[in-house]
Amino acid sequence: MHWEIRGLEKLSFRERQAVMLKESGRSSEDIAKVLGISGSSVSTMLARAKTKGYQIIGIIQDHELGLNYPLEDDEENEK
């Protein structure tokens, strides 16, 4: 799976860092340690980022779901 952040241009560099760490499963405490800031600053940063309207989109490829099957269009193109 790969992740896409829509609205990334609306976030500051530090907000992007915090959002990416959060979306990768890190706790606020871990994010604070990684970024060298307080937990309350992390909370503020994530709250501010949410108000800017970013979206995290997870894109799952067919093969990651075990869906390795030919599509009807693909079969017709092979003929």
PDB file of N, CA and C in Angstrom:
ATOM      1  N   MET A   1       0.850  -1.169   0.000  1.00  0.00           N
ATOM      2  CA  MET A   1       0.000   0.000   0.000  1.00  0.00           C
ATOM      3  C   MET A   1       0.895   1.231   0.000  1.00  0.00           C
ATOM      4  N   HIS A   2       0.457   2.215  -0.686  1.00  0.00           N
ATOM      5  CA  HIS A   2       1.171   3.485  -0.567  1.00  0.00           C
ATOM      6  C   HIS A   2       0.172   4.560  -0.183  1.00  0.00           C
ATOM      7  N   TRP A   3       0.704   5.589   0.422  1.00  0.00           N
ATOM      8  CA  TRP A   3      -0.126   6.665   0.962  1.00  0.00           C
ATOM      9  C   TRP A   3       0.051   7.917   0.139  1.00  0.00           C
ATOM     10  N   GLU A   4      -1.014   8.642   0.005  1.00  0.00           N
ATOM     11  CA  GLU A   4      -0.976   9.933  -0.675  1.00  0.00           C
ATOM     12  C   GLU A   4      -1.631  10.943   0.258  1.00  0.00           C
ATOM     13  N   ILE A   5      -1.002  12.093   0.385  1.00  0.00           N
ATOM     14  CA  ILE A   5      -1.607  13.170   1.172  1.00  0.00           C
ATOM     15  C   ILE A   5      -2.118  14.213   0.193  1.00  0.00           C
ATOM     16  N   ARG A   6      -3.410  14.403   0.213  1.00  0.00           N
ATOM     17  CA  ARG A   6      -4.003  15.450  -0.631  1.00  0.00           C
ATOM     18  C   ARG A   6      -4.117  16.708   0.215  1.00  0.00           C
ATOM     19  N   GLY A   7      -3.752  17.820  -0.356  1.00  0.00           N
ATOM     20  CA  GLY A   7      -3.770  19.082   0.373  1.00  0.00           C
ATOM     21  C   GLY A   7      -2.467  19.331   1.108  1.00  0.00           C
ATOM     22  N   LEU A   8      -1.429  18.572   0.744  1.00  0.00           N
ATOM     23  CA  LEU A   8      -0.126  18.690   1.395  1.00  0.00           C
ATOM     24  C   LEU A   8       0.434  20.108   1.317  1.00  0.00           C
ATOM     25  N   GLU A   9       0.163  20.780   0.229  1.00  0.00           N
ATOM     26  CA  GLU A   9       0.694  22.138   0.039  1.00  0.00           C
ATOM     27  C   GLU A   9       0.127  23.118   1.057  1.00  0.00           C
ATOM     28  N   LYS A  10      -0.966  22.751   1.701  1.00  0.00           N
ATOM     29  CA  LYS A  10      -1.575  23.624   2.710  1.00  0.00           C
ATOM     30  C   LYS A  10      -0.862  23.542   4.062  1.00  0.00           C
ATOM     31  N   LEU A  11      -0.063  22.479   4.258  1.00  0.00           N
ATOM     32  CA  LEU A  11       0.579  22.251   5.545  1.00  0.00           C
ATOM     33  C   LEU A  11       1.996  22.805   5.579  1.00  0.00           C
ATOM     34  N   SER A  12       2.406  23.248   6.775  1.00  0.00           N
ATOM     35  CA  SER A  12       3.798  23.661   6.945  1.00  0.00           C
ATOM     36  C   SER A  12       4.678  22.411   6.949  1.00  0.00           C
ATOM     37  N   PHE A  13       5.967  22.605   6.831  1.00  0.00           N
ATOM     38  CA  PHE A  13       6.910  21.485   6.821  1.00  0.00           C
ATOM     39  C   PHE A  13       6.772  20.652   8.092  1.00  0.00           C
ATOM     40  N   ARG A  14       6.709  21.295   9.254  1.00  0.00           N
ATOM     41  CA  ARG A  14       6.603  20.580  10.530  1.00  0.00           C
ATOM     42  C   ARG A  14       5.258  19.865  10.659  1.00  0.00           C
ATOM     43  N   GLU A  15       4.201  20.481  10.155  1.00  0.00           N
ATOM     44  CA  GLU A  15       2.896  19.820  10.167  1.00  0.00           C
ATOM     45  C   GLU A  15       2.933  18.562   9.313  1.00  0.00           C
ATOM     46  N   ARG A  16       3.591  18.647   8.162  1.00  0.00           N
ATOM     47  CA  ARG A  16       3.739  17.471   7.294  1.00  0.00           C
ATOM     48  C   ARG A  16       4.461  16.349   8.023  1.00  0.00           C
ATOM     49  N   GLN A  17       5.547  16.703   8.709  1.00  0.00           N
ATOM     50  CA  GLN A  17       6.294  15.694   9.453  1.00  0.00           C
ATOM     51  C   GLN A  17       5.410  15.027  10.500  1.00  0.00           C
ATOM     52  N   ALA A  18       4.699  15.828  11.270  1.00  0.00           N
ATOM     53  CA  ALA A  18       3.840  15.303  12.332  1.00  0.00           C
ATOM     54  C   ALA A  18       2.727  14.427  11.761  1.00  0.00           C
ATOM     55  N   VAL A  19       2.110  14.869  10.686  1.00  0.00           N
ATOM     56  CA  VAL A  19       1.026  14.110  10.057  1.00  0.00           C
ATOM     57  C   VAL A  19       1.547  12.773   9.541  1.00  0.00           C
ATOM     58  N   MET A  20       2.692  12.783   8.872  1.00  0.00           N
ATOM     59  CA  MET A  20       3.237  11.534   8.335  1.00  0.00           C
ATOM     60  C   MET A  20       3.576  10.555   9.452  1.00  0.00           C
ATOM     61  N   LEU A  21       4.143  11.046  10.534  1.00  0.00           N
ATOM     62  CA  LEU A  21       4.458  10.178  11.666  1.00  0.00           C
ATOM     63  C   LEU A  21       3.178   9.619  12.290  1.00  0.00           C
ATOM     64  N   LYS A  22       2.175  10.473  12.448  1.00  0.00           N
ATOM     65  CA  LYS A  22       0.895  10.033  13.018  1.00  0.00           C
ATOM     66  C   LYS A  22       0.251   8.979  12.137  1.00  0.00           C
ATOM     67  N   GLU A  23       0.210   9.228  10.846  1.00  0.00           N
ATOM     68  CA  GLU A  23      -0.447   8.303   9.919  1.00  0.00           C
ATOM     69  C   GLU A  23       0.331   7.006   9.750  1.00  0.00           C
ATOM     70  N   SER A  24       1.606   6.996  10.129  1.00  0.00           N
ATOM     71  CA  SER A  24       2.372   5.752  10.069  1.00  0.00           C
ATOM     72  C   SER A  24       2.258   4.974  11.376  1.00  0.00           C
ATOM     73  N   GLY A  25       1.405   5.471  12.284  1.00  0.00           N
ATOM     74  CA  GLY A  25       1.112   4.723  13.494  1.00  0.00           C
ATOM     75  C   GLY A  25       1.844   5.156  14.746  1.00  0.00           C
ATOM     76  N   ARG A  26       2.590   6.234  14.672  1.00  0.00           N
ATOM     77  CA  ARG A  26       3.328   6.708  15.845  1.00  0.00           C
ATOM     78  C   ARG A  26       2.410   7.405  16.834  1.00  0.00           C
ATOM     79  N   SER A  27       2.707   7.271  18.108  1.00  0.00           N
ATOM     80  CA  SER A  27       1.939   7.966  19.150  1.00  0.00           C
ATOM     81  C   SER A  27       2.389   9.420  19.220  1.00  0.00           C
ATOM     82  N   SER A  28       1.593  10.252  19.873  1.00  0.00           N
ATOM     83  CA  SER A  28       1.970  11.660  20.039  1.00  0.00           C
ATOM     84  C   SER A  28       3.281  11.778  20.820  1.00  0.00           C
ATOM     85  N   GLU A  29       3.461  10.892  21.787  1.00  0.00           N
ATOM     86  CA  GLU A  29       4.700  10.896  22.567  1.00  0.00           C
ATOM     87  C   GLU A  29       5.913  10.588  21.681  1.00  0.00           C
ATOM     88  N   ASP A  30       5.773   9.607  20.807  1.00  0.00           N
ATOM     89  CA  ASP A  30       6.856   9.275  19.875  1.00  0.00           C
ATOM     90  C   ASP A  30       7.138  10.434  18.919  1.00  0.00           C
ATOM     91  N   ILE A  31       6.073  11.035  18.424  1.00  0.00           N
ATOM     92  CA  ILE A  31       6.226  12.162  17.490  1.00  0.00           C
ATOM     93  C   ILE A  31       6.976  13.295  18.178  1.00  0.00           C
ATOM     94  N   ALA A  32       6.622  13.574  19.421  1.00  0.00           N
ATOM     95  CA  ALA A  32       7.292  14.633  20.178  1.00  0.00           C
ATOM     96  C   ALA A  32       8.785  14.344  20.304  1.00  0.00           C
ATOM     97  N   LYS A  33       9.138  13.104  20.593  1.00  0.00           N
ATOM     98  CA  LYS A  33      10.555  12.726  20.726  1.00  0.00           C
ATOM     99  C   LYS A  33      11.286  12.879  19.401  1.00  0.00           C
ATOM    100  N   VAL A  34      10.669  12.383  18.336  1.00  0.00           N
ATOM    101  CA  VAL A  34      11.308  12.447  17.015  1.00  0.00           C
ATOM    102  C   VAL A  34      11.528  13.897  16.575  1.00  0.00           C
ATOM    103  N   LEU A  35      10.529  14.744  16.798  1.00  0.00           N
ATOM    104  CA  LEU A  35      10.619  16.134  16.341  1.00  0.00           C
ATOM    105  C   LEU A  35      11.288  17.059  17.361  1.00  0.00           C
ATOM    106  N   GLY A  36      11.512  16.540  18.567  1.00  0.00           N
ATOM    107  CA  GLY A  36      12.173  17.351  19.590  1.00  0.00           C
ATOM    108  C   GLY A  36      11.306  18.480  20.116  1.00  0.00           C
ATOM    109  N   ILE A  37      10.001  18.209  20.247  1.00  0.00           N
ATOM    110  CA  ILE A  37       9.058  19.211  20.748  1.00  0.00           C
ATOM    111  C   ILE A  37       8.203  18.568  21.842  1.00  0.00           C
ATOM    112  N   SER A  38       7.392  19.359  22.506  1.00  0.00           N
ATOM    113  CA  SER A  38       6.542  18.838  23.578  1.00  0.00           C
ATOM    114  C   SER A  38       5.314  18.127  22.996  1.00  0.00           C
ATOM    115  N   GLY A  39       4.705  17.291  23.816  1.00  0.00           N
ATOM    116  CA  GLY A  39       3.486  16.607  23.414  1.00  0.00           C
ATOM    117  C   GLY A  39       2.356  17.561  23.110  1.00  0.00           C
ATOM    118  N   SER A  40       2.280  18.649  23.881  1.00  0.00           N
ATOM    119  CA  SER A  40       1.215  19.628  23.618  1.00  0.00           C
ATOM    120  C   SER A  40       1.434  20.341  22.287  1.00  0.00           C
ATOM    121  N   SER A  41       2.702  20.545  21.913  1.00  0.00           N
ATOM    122  CA  SER A  41       2.991  21.142  20.601  1.00  0.00           C
ATOM    123  C   SER A  41       2.579  20.208  19.478  1.00  0.00           C
ATOM    124  N   VAL A  42       2.774  18.908  19.687  1.00  0.00           N
ATOM    125  CA  VAL A  42       2.344  17.923  18.692  1.00  0.00           C
ATOM    126  C   VAL A  42       0.832  17.984  18.530  1.00  0.00           C
ATOM    127  N   SER A  43       0.109  18.014  19.646  1.00  0.00           N
ATOM    128  CA  SER A  43      -1.354  18.085  19.594  1.00  0.00           C
ATOM    129  C   SER A  43      -1.818  19.327  18.862  1.00  0.00           C
ATOM    130  N   THR A  44      -1.193  20.457  19.168  1.00  0.00           N
ATOM    131  CA  THR A  44      -1.540  21.720  18.503  1.00  0.00           C
ATOM    132  C   THR A  44      -1.264  21.636  17.008  1.00  0.00           C
ATOM    133  N   MET A  45      -0.113  21.092  16.654  1.00  0.00           N
ATOM    134  CA  MET A  45       0.291  20.990  15.257  1.00  0.00           C
ATOM    135  C   MET A  45      -0.675  20.102  14.466  1.00  0.00           C
ATOM    136  N   LEU A  46      -1.051  18.951  15.053  1.00  0.00           N
ATOM    137  CA  LEU A  46      -1.971  18.044  14.370  1.00  0.00           C
ATOM    138  C   LEU A  46      -3.368  18.655  14.250  1.00  0.00           C
ATOM    139  N   ALA A  47      -3.806  19.360  15.284  1.00  0.00           N
ATOM    140  CA  ALA A  47      -5.111  20.024  15.236  1.00  0.00           C
ATOM    141  C   ALA A  47      -5.117  21.108  14.167  1.00  0.00           C
ATOM    142  N   ARG A  48      -4.040  21.874  14.084  1.00  0.00           N
ATOM    143  CA  ARG A  48      -3.934  22.934  13.076  1.00  0.00           C
ATOM    144  C   ARG A  48      -3.927  22.327  11.671  1.00  0.00           C
ATOM    145  N   ALA A  49      -3.215  21.214  11.522  1.00  0.00           N
ATOM    146  CA  ALA A  49      -3.158  20.548  10.214  1.00  0.00           C
ATOM    147  C   ALA A  49      -4.548  20.074   9.792  1.00  0.00           C
ATOM    148  N   LYS A  50      -5.322  19.543  10.731  1.00  0.00           N
ATOM    149  CA  LYS A  50      -6.681  19.079  10.410  1.00  0.00           C
ATOM    150  C   LYS A  50      -7.557  20.212   9.906  1.00  0.00           C
ATOM    151  N   THR A  51      -7.402  21.404  10.490  1.00  0.00           N
ATOM    152  CA  THR A  51      -8.232  22.534  10.064  1.00  0.00           C
ATOM    153  C   THR A  51      -7.893  22.992   8.649  1.00  0.00           C
ATOM    154  N   LYS A  52      -6.716  22.609   8.173  1.00  0.00           N
ATOM    155  CA  LYS A  52      -6.301  23.001   6.820  1.00  0.00           C
ATOM    156  C   LYS A  52      -6.846  22.058   5.750  1.00  0.00           C
ATOM    157  N   GLY A  53      -7.492  20.980   6.181  1.00  0.00           N
ATOM    158  CA  GLY A  53      -8.222  20.128   5.243  1.00  0.00           C
ATOM    159  C   GLY A  53      -7.407  19.144   4.434  1.00  0.00           C
ATOM    160  N   TYR A  54      -6.354  18.589   4.980  1.00  0.00           N
ATOM    161  CA  TYR A  54      -5.628  17.559   4.246  1.00  0.00           C
ATOM    162  C   TYR A  54      -6.399  16.242   4.308  1.00  0.00           C
ATOM    163  N   GLN A  55      -6.103  15.344   3.379  1.00  0.00           N
ATOM    164  CA  GLN A  55      -6.709  14.017   3.366  1.00  0.00           C
ATOM    165  C   GLN A  55      -5.615  12.985   3.149  1.00  0.00           C
ATOM    166  N   ILE A  56      -5.697  11.890   3.885  1.00  0.00           N
ATOM    167  CA  ILE A  56      -4.790  10.766   3.682  1.00  0.00           C
ATOM    168  C   ILE A  56      -5.537   9.717   2.877  1.00  0.00           C
ATOM    169  N   ILE A  57      -4.973   9.343   1.761  1.00  0.00           N
ATOM    170  CA  ILE A  57      -5.585   8.352   0.892  1.00  0.00           C
ATOM    171  C   ILE A  57      -4.651   7.147   0.830  1.00  0.00           C
ATOM    172  N   GLY A  58      -5.161   5.985   1.207  1.00  0.00           N
ATOM    173  CA  GLY A  58      -4.390   4.746   1.091  1.00  0.00           C
ATOM    174  C   GLY A  58      -4.719   4.088  -0.230  1.00  0.00           C
ATOM    175  N   ILE A  59      -3.700   3.794  -1.005  1.00  0.00           N
ATOM    176  CA  ILE A  59      -3.902   3.186  -2.307  1.00  0.00           C
ATOM    177  C   ILE A  59      -3.371   1.756  -2.239  1.00  0.00           C
ATOM    178  N   ILE A  60      -4.269   0.819  -2.430  1.00  0.00           N
ATOM    179  CA  ILE A  60      -3.921  -0.592  -2.360  1.00  0.00           C
ATOM    180  C   ILE A  60      -3.929  -1.157  -3.777  1.00  0.00           C
ATOM    181  N   GLN A  61      -2.827  -1.761  -4.156  1.00  0.00           N
ATOM    182  CA  GLN A  61      -2.722  -2.370  -5.475  1.00  0.00           C
ATOM    183  C   GLN A  61      -3.434  -3.728  -5.473  1.00  0.00           C
ATOM    184  N   ASP A  62      -3.922  -4.145  -6.635  1.00  0.00           N
ATOM    185  CA  ASP A  62      -4.623  -5.429  -6.752  1.00  0.00           C
ATOM    186  C   ASP A  62      -3.803  -6.583  -6.190  1.00  0.00           C
ATOM    187  N   HIS A  63      -2.507  -6.611  -6.523  1.00  0.00           N
ATOM    188  CA  HIS A  63      -1.676  -7.740  -6.090  1.00  0.00           C
ATOM    189  C   HIS A  63      -1.544  -7.812  -4.568  1.00  0.00           C
ATOM    190  N   GLU A  64      -1.713  -6.691  -3.879  1.00  0.00           N
ATOM    191  CA  GLU A  64      -1.636  -6.693  -2.427  1.00  0.00           C
ATOM    192  C   GLU A  64      -2.873  -7.331  -1.800  1.00  0.00           C
ATOM    193  N   LEU A  65      -3.937  -7.422  -2.550  1.00  0.00           N
ATOM    194  CA  LEU A  65      -5.162  -8.047  -2.075  1.00  0.00           C
ATOM    195  C   LEU A  65      -5.312  -9.473  -2.601  1.00  0.00           C
ATOM    196  N   GLY A  66      -4.290  -9.927  -3.317  1.00  0.00           N
ATOM    197  CA  GLY A  66      -4.361 -11.266  -3.899  1.00  0.00           C
ATOM    198  C   GLY A  66      -5.291 -11.323  -5.091  1.00  0.00           C
ATOM    199  N   LEU A  67      -5.438 -10.207  -5.779  1.00  0.00           N
ATOM    200  CA  LEU A  67      -6.349 -10.134  -6.925  1.00  0.00           C
ATOM    201  C   LEU A  67      -5.559 -10.100  -8.230  1.00  0.00           C
ATOM    202  N   ASN A  68      -4.762 -11.104  -8.443  1.00  0.00           N
ATOM    203  CA  ASN A  68      -3.957 -11.185  -9.667  1.00  0.00           C
ATOM    204  C   ASN A  68      -4.740 -11.955 -10.730  1.00  0.00           C
ATOM    205  N   TYR A  69      -5.669 -11.273 -11.333  1.00  0.00           N
ATOM    206  CA  TYR A  69      -6.495 -11.900 -12.350  1.00  0.00           C
ATOM    207  C   TYR A  69      -6.514 -11.000 -13.566  1.00  0.00           C
ATOM    208  N   PRO A  70      -6.605 -11.577 -14.762  1.00  0.00           N
ATOM    209  CA  PRO A  70      -6.677 -10.742 -15.965  1.00  0.00           C
ATOM    210  C   PRO A  70      -8.060 -10.120 -16.098  1.00  0.00           C
ATOM    211  N   LEU A  71      -8.089  -8.898 -16.537  1.00  0.00           N
ATOM    212  CA  LEU A  71      -9.346  -8.219 -16.806  1.00  0.00           C
ATOM    213  C   LEU A  71      -9.828  -8.608 -18.193  1.00  0.00           C
ATOM    214  N   GLU A  72     -11.131  -8.520 -18.432  1.00  0.00           N
ATOM    215  CA  GLU A  72     -11.685  -8.880 -19.737  1.00  0.00           C
ATOM    216  C   GLU A  72     -11.026  -8.080 -20.856  1.00  0.00           C
ATOM    217  N   ASP A  73     -10.791  -6.783 -20.628  1.00  0.00           N
ATOM    218  CA  ASP A  73     -10.153  -5.936 -21.638  1.00  0.00           C
ATOM    219  C   ASP A  73      -8.750  -6.424 -21.945  1.00  0.00           C
ATOM    220  N   ASP A  74      -8.010  -6.867 -20.909  1.00  0.00           N
ATOM    221  CA  ASP A  74      -6.655  -7.367 -21.108  1.00  0.00           C
ATOM    222  C   ASP A  74      -6.664  -8.634 -21.960  1.00  0.00           C
ATOM    223  N   GLU A  75      -7.641  -9.536 -21.711  1.00  0.00           N
ATOM    224  CA  GLU A  75      -7.734 -10.766 -22.485  1.00  0.00           C
ATOM    225  C   GLU A  75      -8.039 -10.468 -23.956  1.00  0.00           C
ATOM    226  N   GLU A  76      -8.894  -9.494 -24.205  1.00  0.00           N
ATOM    227  CA  GLU A  76      -9.242  -9.136 -25.589  1.00  0.00           C
ATOM    228  C   GLU A  76      -8.035  -8.528 -26.292  1.00  0.00           C
ATOM    229  N   ASN A  77      -7.224  -7.737 -25.593  1.00  0.00           N
ATOM    230  CA  ASN A  77      -6.049  -7.108 -26.202  1.00  0.00           C
ATOM    231  C   ASN A  77      -4.976  -8.123 -26.535  1.00  0.00           C
ATOM    232  N   GLU A  78      -4.940  -9.255 -25.832  1.00  0.00           N
ATOM    233  CA  GLU A  78      -3.925 -10.275 -26.082  1.00  0.00           C
ATOM    234  C   GLU A  78      -4.241 -11.080 -27.330  1.00  0.00           C
ATOM    235  N   LYS A  79      -5.491 -11.080 -27.783  1.00  0.00           N
ATOM    236  CA  LYS A  79      -5.898 -11.886 -28.952  1.00  0.00           C
ATOM    237  C   LYS A  79      -5.477 -11.259 -30.234  1.00  0.00           C
TER     238      LYS A  79
END
